[in-house]
Every structure is written in C-alpha cells, then in structure tokens.
Amino acid sequence: MIRPIVTSPIALRIPSVDAGPEDAAVGQDLLDTLAAHADSCVGMAANMIGQRKRIIVVSDGGRALLMYNPRIIERANPYRAEEGCLSLPGTRGAERWRRIRVSYLDDAFRPVTRAFTGDTAQIIQHEVDHCDGVLI
C-alpha cells in the first residue's frame, strides 16, 4: 500500500526499533511507496511512512533492495556529499563513505552481510541515518 510521506522533523528524529517477520507488511508498504515516488526518490526508511521500524528500501541498479535491521559495520574513504530527501525541502551536506559493509536481514529474514559502493552505498547511509533518527 502506498503510504503518505512524513515531513515532521520531530517525528523523523525518533530512532527506530528493530523489525521482525511481523513487520513484513511495512516492508511491502515501503516498496510500494518507493515505486510510487520513483521519479523523485531512490530510497526510503520506514519512519518516512510513519513506522518506527529499522526497515529501508533502496534502488540498487534499478531494482529495489529491501533491508530489515540494517547496520553499517565497516566504512572506508570518507567524502562530502550534497543530498536531498523526500521528507525535507532542499538539499544539505552530509559526510558519507565510498565503501561500506552492511549487515541486515533480507526480504525472507535471512542474515546477509554485503559490501556496497557508489550511489547505492550513499543511499543506504542516508536511509540508515533515518533509522537512527539522524536528519541531513
């Protein structure tokens, strides 16, 4: 189901809690909502649709990658980026890392650890910040 986008900085600053299999519907809502905003958005976190769960979805080479309980466990090569957010007006600067390693549960709730680079790494970092209640 396509959900409305939360734009309240107060609500978005509340850290999310871990998700479990009972939150699979939230994951599907994130996928649906990202697809509905594909022209202007490349990633979303559950708090952006009003759910305080550690769930993100990112566009990874044109395909949606759903992650439950993502945690960045390694970072390398910092840089400054300019980012926008569907929940907030304008753009802002953010420190990002060119290479990251992420531990998460996939869409079947199986543990995965995977390395990411480039745009996908930047999107994941932005969405994990959302899970942590950090706004750019």
C-alpha atoms as a PDB file:
ATOM      1  CA  MET A   1       0.000   0.000   0.000  1.00  0.00           C
ATOM      2  CA  ILE A   2       1.284   3.470  -0.854  1.00  0.00           C
ATOM      3  CA  ARG A   3       1.658   5.484   2.359  1.00  0.00           C
ATOM      4  CA  PRO A   4       1.838   9.261   2.861  1.00  0.00           C
ATOM      5  CA  ILE A   5       5.306  10.732   3.419  1.00  0.00           C
ATOM      6  CA  VAL A   6       6.098  12.046   6.906  1.00  0.00           C
ATOM      7  CA  THR A   7       7.592  15.542   6.787  1.00  0.00           C
ATOM      8  CA  SER A   8       7.770  16.375  10.505  1.00  0.00           C
ATOM      9  CA  PRO A   9      11.426  16.712  11.626  1.00  0.00           C
ATOM     10  CA  ILE A  10      10.282  15.979  15.185  1.00  0.00           C
ATOM     11  CA  ALA A  11       8.801  12.607  14.174  1.00  0.00           C
ATOM     12  CA  LEU A  12      11.738  11.781  11.898  1.00  0.00           C
ATOM     13  CA  ARG A  13      14.267  12.345  14.716  1.00  0.00           C
ATOM     14  CA  ILE A  14      12.864   9.488  16.827  1.00  0.00           C
ATOM     15  CA  PRO A  15      15.147   6.437  16.418  1.00  0.00           C
ATOM     16  CA  SER A  16      13.576   3.281  15.048  1.00  0.00           C
ATOM     17  CA  VAL A  17      13.349  -0.114  16.748  1.00  0.00           C
ATOM     18  CA  ASP A  18      14.318  -3.466  15.255  1.00  0.00           C
ATOM     19  CA  ALA A  19      11.871  -5.146  12.892  1.00  0.00           C
ATOM     20  CA  GLY A  20      10.795  -8.779  12.742  1.00  0.00           C
ATOM     21  CA  PRO A  21       8.779 -11.034  10.451  1.00  0.00           C
ATOM     22  CA  GLU A  22       5.579  -9.471  11.826  1.00  0.00           C
ATOM     23  CA  ASP A  23       6.680  -6.242  10.068  1.00  0.00           C
ATOM     24  CA  ALA A  24       6.738  -7.721   6.557  1.00  0.00           C
ATOM     25  CA  ALA A  25       3.684  -5.606   5.620  1.00  0.00           C
ATOM     26  CA  VAL A  26       5.658  -2.450   6.471  1.00  0.00           C
ATOM     27  CA  GLY A  27       8.407  -3.649   4.125  1.00  0.00           C
ATOM     28  CA  GLN A  28       5.864  -4.125   1.353  1.00  0.00           C
ATOM     29  CA  ASP A  29       4.400  -0.672   2.001  1.00  0.00           C
ATOM     30  CA  LEU A  30       7.914   0.785   1.675  1.00  0.00           C
ATOM     31  CA  LEU A  31       8.409  -0.988  -1.655  1.00  0.00           C
ATOM     32  CA  ASP A  32       5.037   0.275  -2.911  1.00  0.00           C
ATOM     33  CA  THR A  33       5.661   3.829  -1.714  1.00  0.00           C
ATOM     34  CA  LEU A  34       9.162   3.956  -3.239  1.00  0.00           C
ATOM     35  CA  ALA A  35       7.757   2.713  -6.555  1.00  0.00           C
ATOM     36  CA  ALA A  36       5.120   5.474  -6.449  1.00  0.00           C
ATOM     37  CA  HIS A  37       7.870   8.086  -5.973  1.00  0.00           C
ATOM     38  CA  ALA A  38      10.453   6.546  -8.330  1.00  0.00           C
ATOM     39  CA  ASP A  39      10.674   9.773 -10.340  1.00  0.00           C
ATOM     40  CA  SER A  40      11.992  11.716  -7.329  1.00  0.00           C
ATOM     41  CA  CYS A  41      13.260   9.201  -4.764  1.00  0.00           C
ATOM     42  CA  VAL A  42      15.889   6.418  -4.661  1.00  0.00           C
ATOM     43  CA  GLY A  43      15.491   5.197  -1.101  1.00  0.00           C
ATOM     44  CA  MET A  44      13.181   5.247   1.906  1.00  0.00           C
ATOM     45  CA  ALA A  45      13.160   4.317   5.561  1.00  0.00           C
ATOM     46  CA  ALA A  46      10.088   3.111   7.425  1.00  0.00           C
ATOM     47  CA  ASN A  47       9.893   6.246   9.569  1.00  0.00           C
ATOM     48  CA  MET A  48       9.270   8.203   6.359  1.00  0.00           C
ATOM     49  CA  ILE A  49       5.906   6.399   6.126  1.00  0.00           C
ATOM     50  CA  GLY A  50       5.123   6.713   9.823  1.00  0.00           C
ATOM     51  CA  GLN A  51       6.517   3.380  11.030  1.00  0.00           C
ATOM     52  CA  ARG A  52       9.322   3.438  13.633  1.00  0.00           C
ATOM     53  CA  LYS A  53      10.938   0.219  12.445  1.00  0.00           C
ATOM     54  CA  ARG A  54      14.510  -0.392  11.188  1.00  0.00           C
ATOM     55  CA  ILE A  55      13.480  -1.137   7.614  1.00  0.00           C
ATOM     56  CA  ILE A  56      14.847   0.513   4.481  1.00  0.00           C
ATOM     57  CA  VAL A  57      14.463   0.082   0.752  1.00  0.00           C
ATOM     58  CA  VAL A  58      16.998   1.373  -1.772  1.00  0.00           C
ATOM     59  CA  SER A  59      17.201   1.451  -5.529  1.00  0.00           C
ATOM     60  CA  ASP A  60      20.166  -0.786  -6.329  1.00  0.00           C
ATOM     61  CA  GLY A  61      20.900  -0.708 -10.034  1.00  0.00           C
ATOM     62  CA  GLY A  62      17.246  -0.177 -10.900  1.00  0.00           C
ATOM     63  CA  ARG A  63      15.943  -2.903  -8.573  1.00  0.00           C
ATOM     64  CA  ALA A  64      14.510  -2.328  -5.114  1.00  0.00           C
ATOM     65  CA  LEU A  65      16.546  -3.857  -2.289  1.00  0.00           C
ATOM     66  CA  LEU A  66      14.657  -4.317   0.989  1.00  0.00           C
ATOM     67  CA  MET A  67      16.689  -4.462   4.221  1.00  0.00           C
ATOM     68  CA  TYR A  68      15.453  -5.244   7.718  1.00  0.00           C
ATOM     69  CA  ASN A  69      17.584  -4.046  10.658  1.00  0.00           C
ATOM     70  CA  PRO A  70      20.461  -2.693   8.534  1.00  0.00           C
ATOM     71  CA  ARG A  71      23.676  -1.854  10.374  1.00  0.00           C
ATOM     72  CA  ILE A  72      26.767  -0.396   8.751  1.00  0.00           C
ATOM     73  CA  ILE A  73      29.637  -2.464  10.142  1.00  0.00           C
ATOM     74  CA  GLU A  74      32.561  -1.098   8.063  1.00  0.00           C
ATOM     75  CA  ARG A  75      33.271   2.227   6.370  1.00  0.00           C
ATOM     76  CA  ALA A  76      36.114   3.386   4.097  1.00  0.00           C
ATOM     77  CA  ASN A  77      37.089   6.528   2.175  1.00  0.00           C
ATOM     78  CA  PRO A  78      35.054   9.452   3.549  1.00  0.00           C
ATOM     79  CA  TYR A  79      33.777  12.273   1.333  1.00  0.00           C
ATOM     80  CA  ARG A  80      31.276  15.162   1.441  1.00  0.00           C
ATOM     81  CA  ALA A  81      28.002  14.762  -0.430  1.00  0.00           C
ATOM     82  CA  GLU A  82      25.057  17.019  -1.169  1.00  0.00           C
ATOM     83  CA  GLU A  83      21.752  15.213  -0.629  1.00  0.00           C
ATOM     84  CA  GLY A  84      18.050  15.778  -0.860  1.00  0.00           C
ATOM     85  CA  CYS A  85      15.295  13.957   0.986  1.00  0.00           C
ATOM     86  CA  LEU A  86      11.679  13.330   0.076  1.00  0.00           C
ATOM     87  CA  SER A  87      10.701  14.195   3.663  1.00  0.00           C
ATOM     88  CA  LEU A  88      12.557  17.530   3.791  1.00  0.00           C
ATOM     89  CA  PRO A  89      12.777  20.528   1.459  1.00  0.00           C
ATOM     90  CA  GLY A  90      16.023  21.447  -0.298  1.00  0.00           C
ATOM     91  CA  THR A  91      19.427  19.800  -0.099  1.00  0.00           C
ATOM     92  CA  ARG A  92      22.038  19.549   2.638  1.00  0.00           C
ATOM     93  CA  GLY A  93      25.624  18.432   3.013  1.00  0.00           C
ATOM     94  CA  ALA A  94      26.473  15.102   4.629  1.00  0.00           C
ATOM     95  CA  GLU A  95      29.619  13.112   5.314  1.00  0.00           C
ATOM     96  CA  ARG A  96      29.475   9.769   3.544  1.00  0.00           C
ATOM     97  CA  TRP A  97      31.783   6.823   2.863  1.00  0.00           C
ATOM     98  CA  ARG A  98      32.612   5.473  -0.602  1.00  0.00           C
ATOM     99  CA  ARG A  99      32.641   1.846   0.551  1.00  0.00           C
ATOM    100  CA  ILE A 100      30.521   0.308   3.280  1.00  0.00           C
ATOM    101  CA  ARG A 101      29.758  -3.161   4.561  1.00  0.00           C
ATOM    102  CA  VAL A 102      26.222  -3.731   5.818  1.00  0.00           C
ATOM    103  CA  SER A 103      24.711  -6.442   7.978  1.00  0.00           C
ATOM    104  CA  TYR A 104      20.942  -6.873   7.536  1.00  0.00           C
ATOM    105  CA  LEU A 105      18.077  -9.319   7.141  1.00  0.00           C
ATOM    106  CA  ASP A 106      16.802  -9.830   3.594  1.00  0.00           C
ATOM    107  CA  ASP A 107      13.165  -9.966   2.497  1.00  0.00           C
ATOM    108  CA  ALA A 108      12.933 -13.565   3.801  1.00  0.00           C
ATOM    109  CA  PHE A 109      14.519 -12.500   7.128  1.00  0.00           C
ATOM    110  CA  ARG A 110      17.765 -14.356   6.405  1.00  0.00           C
ATOM    111  CA  PRO A 111      21.008 -12.712   7.635  1.00  0.00           C
ATOM    112  CA  VAL A 112      23.155 -11.094   4.947  1.00  0.00           C
ATOM    113  CA  THR A 113      26.436  -9.192   5.070  1.00  0.00           C
ATOM    114  CA  ARG A 114      27.309  -7.373   1.867  1.00  0.00           C
ATOM    115  CA  ALA A 115      29.624  -4.633   0.631  1.00  0.00           C
ATOM    116  CA  PHE A 116      28.313  -1.632  -1.316  1.00  0.00           C
ATOM    117  CA  THR A 117      29.969   1.223  -3.201  1.00  0.00           C
ATOM    118  CA  GLY A 118      28.955   4.290  -5.182  1.00  0.00           C
ATOM    119  CA  ASP A 119      25.407   5.597  -5.273  1.00  0.00           C
ATOM    120  CA  THR A 120      23.943   2.533  -3.569  1.00  0.00           C
ATOM    121  CA  ALA A 121      26.327   2.956  -0.619  1.00  0.00           C
ATOM    122  CA  GLN A 122      25.361   6.626  -0.305  1.00  0.00           C
ATOM    123  CA  ILE A 123      21.633   5.848  -0.400  1.00  0.00           C
ATOM    124  CA  ILE A 124      21.997   3.141   2.257  1.00  0.00           C
ATOM    125  CA  GLN A 125      23.892   5.541   4.533  1.00  0.00           C
ATOM    126  CA  HIS A 126      21.159   8.165   4.156  1.00  0.00           C
ATOM    127  CA  GLU A 127      18.415   5.654   4.991  1.00  0.00           C
ATOM    128  CA  VAL A 128      20.308   4.131   7.939  1.00  0.00           C
ATOM    129  CA  ASP A 129      20.647   7.694   9.271  1.00  0.00           C
ATOM    130  CA  HIS A 130      16.840   7.885   9.101  1.00  0.00           C
ATOM    131  CA  CYS A 131      16.600   4.689  11.178  1.00  0.00           C
ATOM    132  CA  ASP A 132      18.905   6.289  13.748  1.00  0.00           C
ATOM    133  CA  GLY A 133      16.832   9.484  13.868  1.00  0.00           C
ATOM    134  CA  VAL A 134      19.563  11.490  12.084  1.00  0.00           C
ATOM    135  CA  LEU A 135      18.411  14.034   9.506  1.00  0.00           C
ATOM    136  CA  ILE A 136      20.709  15.546   6.899  1.00  0.00           C
END
